[in-house]
Amino acid sequence: MKIGKLVCNVYGHPIKGDEKSCTYFHLILEDIDDIKRFKELYEPITAEKNINALFGFKSQSFRSTLMDYLVHEGRHTAPETTLLAMKLKFKETPTDLIEFCSMSDNIMNDKIQSFIKFVSQGNLIQINHKGGYCYVDNTDKYESKFVPTDKQIASFINYGKVDSESLDISSKAIIIENGEYVESTFLNKLYKHVKKEEIQVLNNFKTRTIGFKDKDYIEAFQKGIDKGMKVICFETTGQDYHNILKLHSLLMTIISMNPKIKFKVYMQTYDKKTSDLFESKNNLTVVKIEKYNK
């Protein structure tokens, strides 16, 4: 597997004369092993995008269809999510979550099967930053190519970017955010408790920590604590409860390793189970900015 750097004009064609140049990166799959490696990262990232789009749509009342929601509200929308929304728009019967996930899996499987077919015929697969793909005979057009890490592949699948930021904690307070942006309503409430200039946002947290083992999380957070970090903030719907459990376990381990430091957790959730999980004890104070809906 390679990532190729392509320098071209704005239309993706070779530069002629004084045309403005653009730089694009493509993911290149060369064989079945590349497809397997791609699949391991592609499926969970895309499935999460689809689920997040569905819950985002259901949490608002302005858009009448998922397709309409994606057009106006979608960020980094995967082509699979758009195709799923189109299928739902023309579907005559209601769709529950299980059927939604099954439709999502089928769309992803169709894409992987197309890759296998192309590679089996001796072709290479070229995937662009939007998730679109085609087969090519060679990679001569690329200015340069390199073998990507899992983090770079995940960053490319998720955000169309090659390089993901490292997890360098350097502020008194951090916000753990799996998406690219923190909701403004949460920030406005948080600023009543924590100074804006003291906050560092760890956005794209899942992507930046793909491949992390427990010791990697602990090392990154301990380095932050050594630099003065003692406040952890986050908001969650509680839908991804297994990841909430992992976060809770991680934080409790790190906090217990530093018994002389007084930590604070500021959290916002509408899920009772998640809210009940985080409680003040020993050297930890938990502040629940907005409690769950009863």
Protein backbone atom coordinates (compact mmCIF):
# COMPACT_ATOMS: atom_id res chain seq x y z
CA MET A 1 0.00 0.00 0.00
CA LYS A 2 1.24 3.47 -0.89
CA ILE A 3 0.15 7.08 -0.62
CA GLY A 4 0.92 9.00 -3.79
CA LYS A 5 1.42 12.75 -4.03
CA LEU A 6 -0.10 14.26 -7.15
CA VAL A 7 0.64 17.82 -8.30
CA CYS A 8 -1.84 18.98 -10.94
CA ASN A 9 -4.26 21.76 -11.88
CA VAL A 10 -7.56 22.34 -10.09
CA TYR A 11 -9.28 19.82 -12.39
CA GLY A 12 -6.81 17.03 -11.62
CA HIS A 13 -5.09 17.29 -15.02
CA PRO A 14 -1.40 17.95 -15.82
CA ILE A 15 -0.37 21.59 -15.42
CA LYS A 16 -0.06 23.62 -18.60
CA GLY A 17 1.66 26.99 -18.81
CA ASP A 18 1.07 29.22 -15.79
CA GLU A 19 -1.93 27.28 -14.42
CA LYS A 20 -2.27 27.24 -10.64
CA SER A 21 -1.02 23.98 -9.14
CA CYS A 22 -2.80 21.89 -6.51
CA THR A 23 -1.51 19.02 -4.41
CA TYR A 24 -3.63 15.92 -3.84
CA PHE A 25 -2.91 12.65 -2.11
CA HIS A 26 -4.28 9.28 -3.20
CA LEU A 27 -4.25 5.97 -1.36
CA ILE A 28 -3.03 3.18 -3.65
CA LEU A 29 -3.93 -0.46 -3.02
CA GLU A 30 -1.72 -2.90 -4.89
CA ASP A 31 -2.76 -6.39 -3.77
CA ILE A 32 -5.10 -8.44 -1.56
CA ASP A 33 -2.97 -7.83 1.54
CA ASP A 34 -3.38 -4.07 1.01
CA ILE A 35 -7.15 -4.52 0.77
CA LYS A 36 -7.19 -6.50 4.03
CA ARG A 37 -5.18 -3.80 5.80
CA PHE A 38 -7.41 -1.07 4.38
CA LYS A 39 -10.57 -2.99 5.35
CA GLU A 40 -9.52 -3.28 9.02
CA LEU A 41 -9.46 0.52 9.35
CA TYR A 42 -12.07 1.47 6.75
CA GLU A 43 -15.00 -0.54 8.14
CA PRO A 44 -15.06 0.73 11.76
CA ILE A 45 -14.38 4.35 10.72
CA THR A 46 -17.09 4.36 8.03
CA ALA A 47 -19.60 2.49 10.21
CA GLU A 48 -19.10 5.11 12.90
CA LYS A 49 -19.59 7.92 10.37
CA ASN A 50 -22.87 6.35 9.28
CA ILE A 51 -24.12 5.90 12.85
CA ASN A 52 -23.05 9.43 13.83
CA ALA A 53 -24.91 10.83 10.82
CA LEU A 54 -28.06 8.94 11.82
CA PHE A 55 -27.95 10.09 15.44
CA GLY A 56 -27.10 13.64 14.36
CA PHE A 57 -30.13 13.63 12.07
CA LYS A 58 -32.46 12.21 14.75
CA SER A 59 -31.27 14.75 17.34
CA GLN A 60 -32.55 17.74 15.31
CA SER A 61 -35.89 18.80 13.91
CA PHE A 62 -34.91 21.11 11.02
CA ARG A 63 -34.27 18.51 8.31
CA SER A 64 -36.87 15.99 7.21
CA THR A 65 -34.56 13.36 5.69
CA LEU A 66 -31.03 12.11 6.36
CA MET A 67 -30.08 13.22 2.84
CA ASP A 68 -31.25 16.77 3.56
CA TYR A 69 -29.37 16.70 6.87
CA LEU A 70 -26.10 15.66 5.19
CA VAL A 71 -26.39 18.39 2.56
CA HIS A 72 -26.74 21.11 5.19
CA GLU A 73 -25.03 19.73 8.28
CA GLY A 74 -22.69 16.91 7.21
CA ARG A 75 -18.97 17.31 7.84
CA HIS A 76 -16.50 14.92 6.19
CA THR A 77 -19.44 12.92 4.85
CA ALA A 78 -18.31 9.58 3.45
CA PRO A 79 -19.69 8.58 0.02
CA GLU A 80 -21.04 5.46 1.73
CA THR A 81 -23.09 7.67 4.08
CA THR A 82 -24.49 9.63 1.13
CA LEU A 83 -25.41 6.39 -0.69
CA LEU A 84 -27.06 5.10 2.47
CA ALA A 85 -29.07 8.33 2.79
CA MET A 86 -30.20 8.03 -0.85
CA LYS A 87 -31.37 4.45 -0.28
CA LEU A 88 -33.31 5.52 2.81
CA LYS A 89 -34.92 8.44 0.96
CA PHE A 90 -36.55 6.09 -1.56
CA LYS A 91 -37.32 3.33 0.93
CA GLU A 92 -41.05 3.06 1.57
CA THR A 93 -40.95 1.31 4.96
CA PRO A 94 -39.47 2.54 8.27
CA THR A 95 -35.91 1.51 9.08
CA ASP A 96 -34.82 0.49 12.58
CA LEU A 97 -31.22 0.65 13.83
CA ILE A 98 -30.45 -3.01 13.11
CA GLU A 99 -31.59 -2.71 9.50
CA PHE A 100 -29.71 0.58 9.15
CA CYS A 101 -26.49 -1.09 10.30
CA SER A 102 -27.11 -4.02 7.96
CA MET A 103 -27.56 -1.64 5.01
CA SER A 104 -24.37 0.15 6.05
CA ASP A 105 -22.42 -3.12 6.18
CA ASN A 106 -23.70 -4.16 2.74
CA ILE A 107 -22.56 -0.90 1.14
CA MET A 108 -19.09 -1.24 2.64
CA ASN A 109 -18.86 -4.89 1.61
CA ASP A 110 -19.80 -4.00 -1.99
CA LYS A 111 -16.91 -1.53 -2.09
CA ILE A 112 -14.42 -4.08 -0.76
CA GLN A 113 -15.65 -6.71 -3.23
CA SER A 114 -15.10 -4.21 -6.07
CA PHE A 115 -11.53 -3.70 -4.85
CA ILE A 116 -10.92 -7.47 -4.82
CA LYS A 117 -12.30 -7.80 -8.35
CA PHE A 118 -10.10 -4.97 -9.71
CA VAL A 119 -6.93 -6.26 -8.03
CA SER A 120 -7.62 -9.85 -9.16
CA GLN A 121 -7.65 -8.54 -12.73
CA GLY A 122 -4.17 -7.08 -12.26
CA ASN A 123 -5.21 -3.48 -11.63
CA LEU A 124 -4.25 -1.04 -8.88
CA ILE A 125 -6.90 0.80 -6.81
CA GLN A 126 -6.66 4.56 -6.49
CA ILE A 127 -8.71 6.18 -3.67
CA ASN A 128 -9.02 9.96 -3.46
CA HIS A 129 -9.43 12.19 -0.39
CA LYS A 130 -13.23 12.13 -0.72
CA GLY A 131 -13.41 8.32 -0.66
CA GLY A 132 -14.06 7.91 -4.37
CA TYR A 133 -12.04 5.28 -6.22
CA CYS A 134 -11.12 3.87 -9.61
CA TYR A 135 -8.61 1.37 -10.96
CA VAL A 136 -5.37 2.39 -12.68
CA ASP A 137 -2.64 0.54 -14.63
CA ASN A 138 0.35 2.26 -13.04
CA THR A 139 1.40 5.04 -10.66
CA ASP A 140 3.74 6.96 -12.97
CA LYS A 141 1.80 10.21 -12.60
CA TYR A 142 2.68 10.64 -8.92
CA GLU A 143 5.47 13.00 -7.97
CA SER A 144 6.35 10.82 -5.00
CA LYS A 145 5.03 7.79 -3.07
CA PHE A 146 5.52 6.45 0.43
CA VAL A 147 4.31 3.56 2.60
CA PRO A 148 1.77 4.94 5.15
CA THR A 149 1.37 4.06 8.81
CA ASP A 150 -1.98 2.89 10.19
CA LYS A 151 -2.53 6.35 11.66
CA GLN A 152 -1.96 7.99 8.28
CA ILE A 153 -4.34 5.55 6.59
CA ALA A 154 -7.00 6.19 9.26
CA SER A 155 -6.54 9.95 8.95
CA PHE A 156 -6.89 9.69 5.16
CA ILE A 157 -10.07 7.57 5.38
CA ASN A 158 -11.63 9.79 8.02
CA TYR A 159 -10.60 13.30 6.97
CA GLY A 160 -8.84 13.07 3.61
CA LYS A 161 -5.61 14.17 5.28
CA VAL A 162 -2.33 12.31 5.28
CA ASP A 163 -0.82 13.52 8.53
CA SER A 164 -2.63 13.33 11.85
CA GLU A 165 -1.59 15.42 14.83
CA SER A 166 0.29 13.81 17.68
CA LEU A 167 -1.28 13.61 21.12
CA ASP A 168 0.80 16.29 22.85
CA ILE A 169 -0.98 17.56 25.97
CA SER A 170 0.39 20.91 27.09
CA SER A 171 -2.43 22.84 28.82
CA LYS A 172 -4.07 22.91 32.22
CA ALA A 173 -7.40 21.72 30.82
CA ILE A 174 -8.20 19.42 27.90
CA ILE A 175 -11.37 18.63 25.98
CA ILE A 176 -11.55 15.09 24.61
CA GLU A 177 -13.47 15.27 21.32
CA ASN A 178 -13.80 12.44 18.79
CA GLY A 179 -15.02 14.78 16.06
CA GLU A 180 -13.27 17.73 14.48
CA TYR A 181 -15.30 20.40 16.30
CA VAL A 182 -16.62 20.87 19.82
CA GLU A 183 -20.27 21.94 20.01
CA SER A 184 -20.54 25.65 20.81
CA THR A 185 -23.28 25.09 23.39
CA PHE A 186 -20.97 22.85 25.42
CA LEU A 187 -18.09 25.33 25.10
CA ASN A 188 -20.22 28.25 26.27
CA LYS A 189 -21.25 26.33 29.38
CA LEU A 190 -17.70 25.14 30.00
CA TYR A 191 -16.27 28.67 29.85
CA LYS A 192 -18.25 29.47 32.99
CA HIS A 193 -16.04 26.98 34.84
CA VAL A 194 -12.71 26.99 32.97
CA LYS A 195 -10.82 29.89 31.36
CA LYS A 196 -10.85 29.68 27.58
CA GLU A 197 -7.11 30.30 27.32
CA GLU A 198 -6.39 27.34 29.59
CA ILE A 199 -8.18 24.80 27.37
CA GLN A 200 -6.61 22.55 24.76
CA VAL A 201 -8.96 20.65 22.44
CA LEU A 202 -7.87 17.11 21.60
CA ASN A 203 -10.10 16.82 18.53
CA ASN A 204 -10.19 13.76 16.27
CA PHE A 205 -9.22 11.86 19.41
CA LYS A 206 -10.11 8.41 18.10
CA THR A 207 -8.19 8.91 14.87
CA ARG A 208 -5.15 10.33 16.64
CA THR A 209 -5.02 7.36 19.01
CA ILE A 210 -5.64 4.50 16.57
CA GLY A 211 -3.21 1.75 17.46
CA PHE A 212 -2.73 3.05 21.01
CA LYS A 213 -2.38 0.49 23.79
CA ASP A 214 -3.19 1.34 27.42
CA LYS A 215 0.45 2.20 28.12
CA ASP A 216 0.45 4.69 25.21
CA TYR A 217 -2.59 6.54 26.62
CA ILE A 218 -1.08 6.57 30.11
CA GLU A 219 2.25 7.85 28.82
CA ALA A 220 0.63 10.67 26.81
CA PHE A 221 -1.61 11.77 29.69
CA GLN A 222 1.18 11.52 32.27
CA LYS A 223 3.36 13.81 30.15
CA GLY A 224 0.45 16.26 30.13
CA ILE A 225 0.04 16.01 33.90
CA ASP A 226 3.75 16.68 34.34
CA LYS A 227 3.17 19.90 32.33
CA GLY A 228 0.28 20.96 34.60
CA MET A 229 -2.81 19.26 33.15
CA LYS A 230 -5.40 18.58 35.85
CA VAL A 231 -8.78 19.25 34.20
CA ILE A 232 -10.48 16.84 31.75
CA CYS A 233 -13.64 17.85 29.87
CA PHE A 234 -15.91 16.00 27.49
CA GLU A 235 -19.48 15.69 26.25
CA THR A 236 -21.16 12.52 25.04
CA THR A 237 -24.55 11.19 24.07
CA GLY A 238 -23.65 7.92 25.78
CA GLN A 239 -24.44 5.92 22.64
CA ASP A 240 -20.86 4.64 22.40
CA TYR A 241 -20.92 3.20 25.91
CA HIS A 242 -18.07 0.70 25.51
CA ASN A 243 -15.73 3.58 24.66
CA ILE A 244 -17.07 5.53 27.64
CA LEU A 245 -16.14 2.59 29.88
CA LYS A 246 -12.65 2.57 28.39
CA LEU A 247 -12.26 6.32 28.95
CA HIS A 248 -13.46 5.97 32.55
CA SER A 249 -11.01 3.16 33.27
CA LEU A 250 -8.17 5.13 31.69
CA LEU A 251 -8.91 8.29 33.67
CA MET A 252 -9.29 6.42 36.95
CA THR A 253 -5.91 4.74 36.40
CA ILE A 254 -4.15 8.01 35.61
CA ILE A 255 -5.76 9.85 38.51
CA SER A 256 -4.86 7.09 40.98
CA MET A 257 -1.25 7.29 39.78
CA ASN A 258 -1.12 10.93 40.89
CA PRO A 259 -2.76 10.96 44.36
CA LYS A 260 -1.29 14.34 45.37
CA ILE A 261 -2.92 16.20 42.47
CA LYS A 262 -6.52 17.40 42.66
CA PHE A 263 -8.23 16.62 39.35
CA LYS A 264 -11.53 17.85 37.95
CA VAL A 265 -13.72 16.30 35.28
CA TYR A 266 -16.32 18.51 33.56
CA MET A 267 -18.80 16.43 31.62
CA GLN A 268 -22.06 16.86 29.76
CA THR A 269 -24.28 13.92 28.90
CA TYR A 270 -27.95 13.10 28.51
CA ASP A 271 -27.39 9.44 29.32
CA LYS A 272 -28.12 8.38 32.93
CA LYS A 273 -25.84 5.33 32.80
CA THR A 274 -22.90 7.45 31.66
CA SER A 275 -23.67 10.15 34.22
CA ASP A 276 -23.77 7.61 37.06
CA LEU A 277 -20.41 6.16 35.99
CA PHE A 278 -18.46 9.32 36.83
CA GLU A 279 -18.57 10.32 40.50
CA SER A 280 -16.38 12.45 42.78
CA LYS A 281 -14.03 10.52 45.04
CA ASN A 282 -10.57 10.81 46.59
CA ASN A 283 -8.58 13.35 44.52
CA LEU A 284 -11.24 13.65 41.79
CA THR A 285 -14.09 16.14 41.60
CA VAL A 286 -16.71 15.53 38.91
CA VAL A 287 -18.78 18.49 37.71
CA LYS A 288 -21.81 17.58 35.61
CA ILE A 289 -22.55 20.60 33.48
CA GLU A 290 -25.87 19.30 32.28
CA LYS A 291 -27.54 16.22 33.68
CA TYR A 292 -29.28 13.52 31.71
CA ASN A 293 -32.91 13.87 30.67
CA LYS A 294 -35.22 12.14 33.10
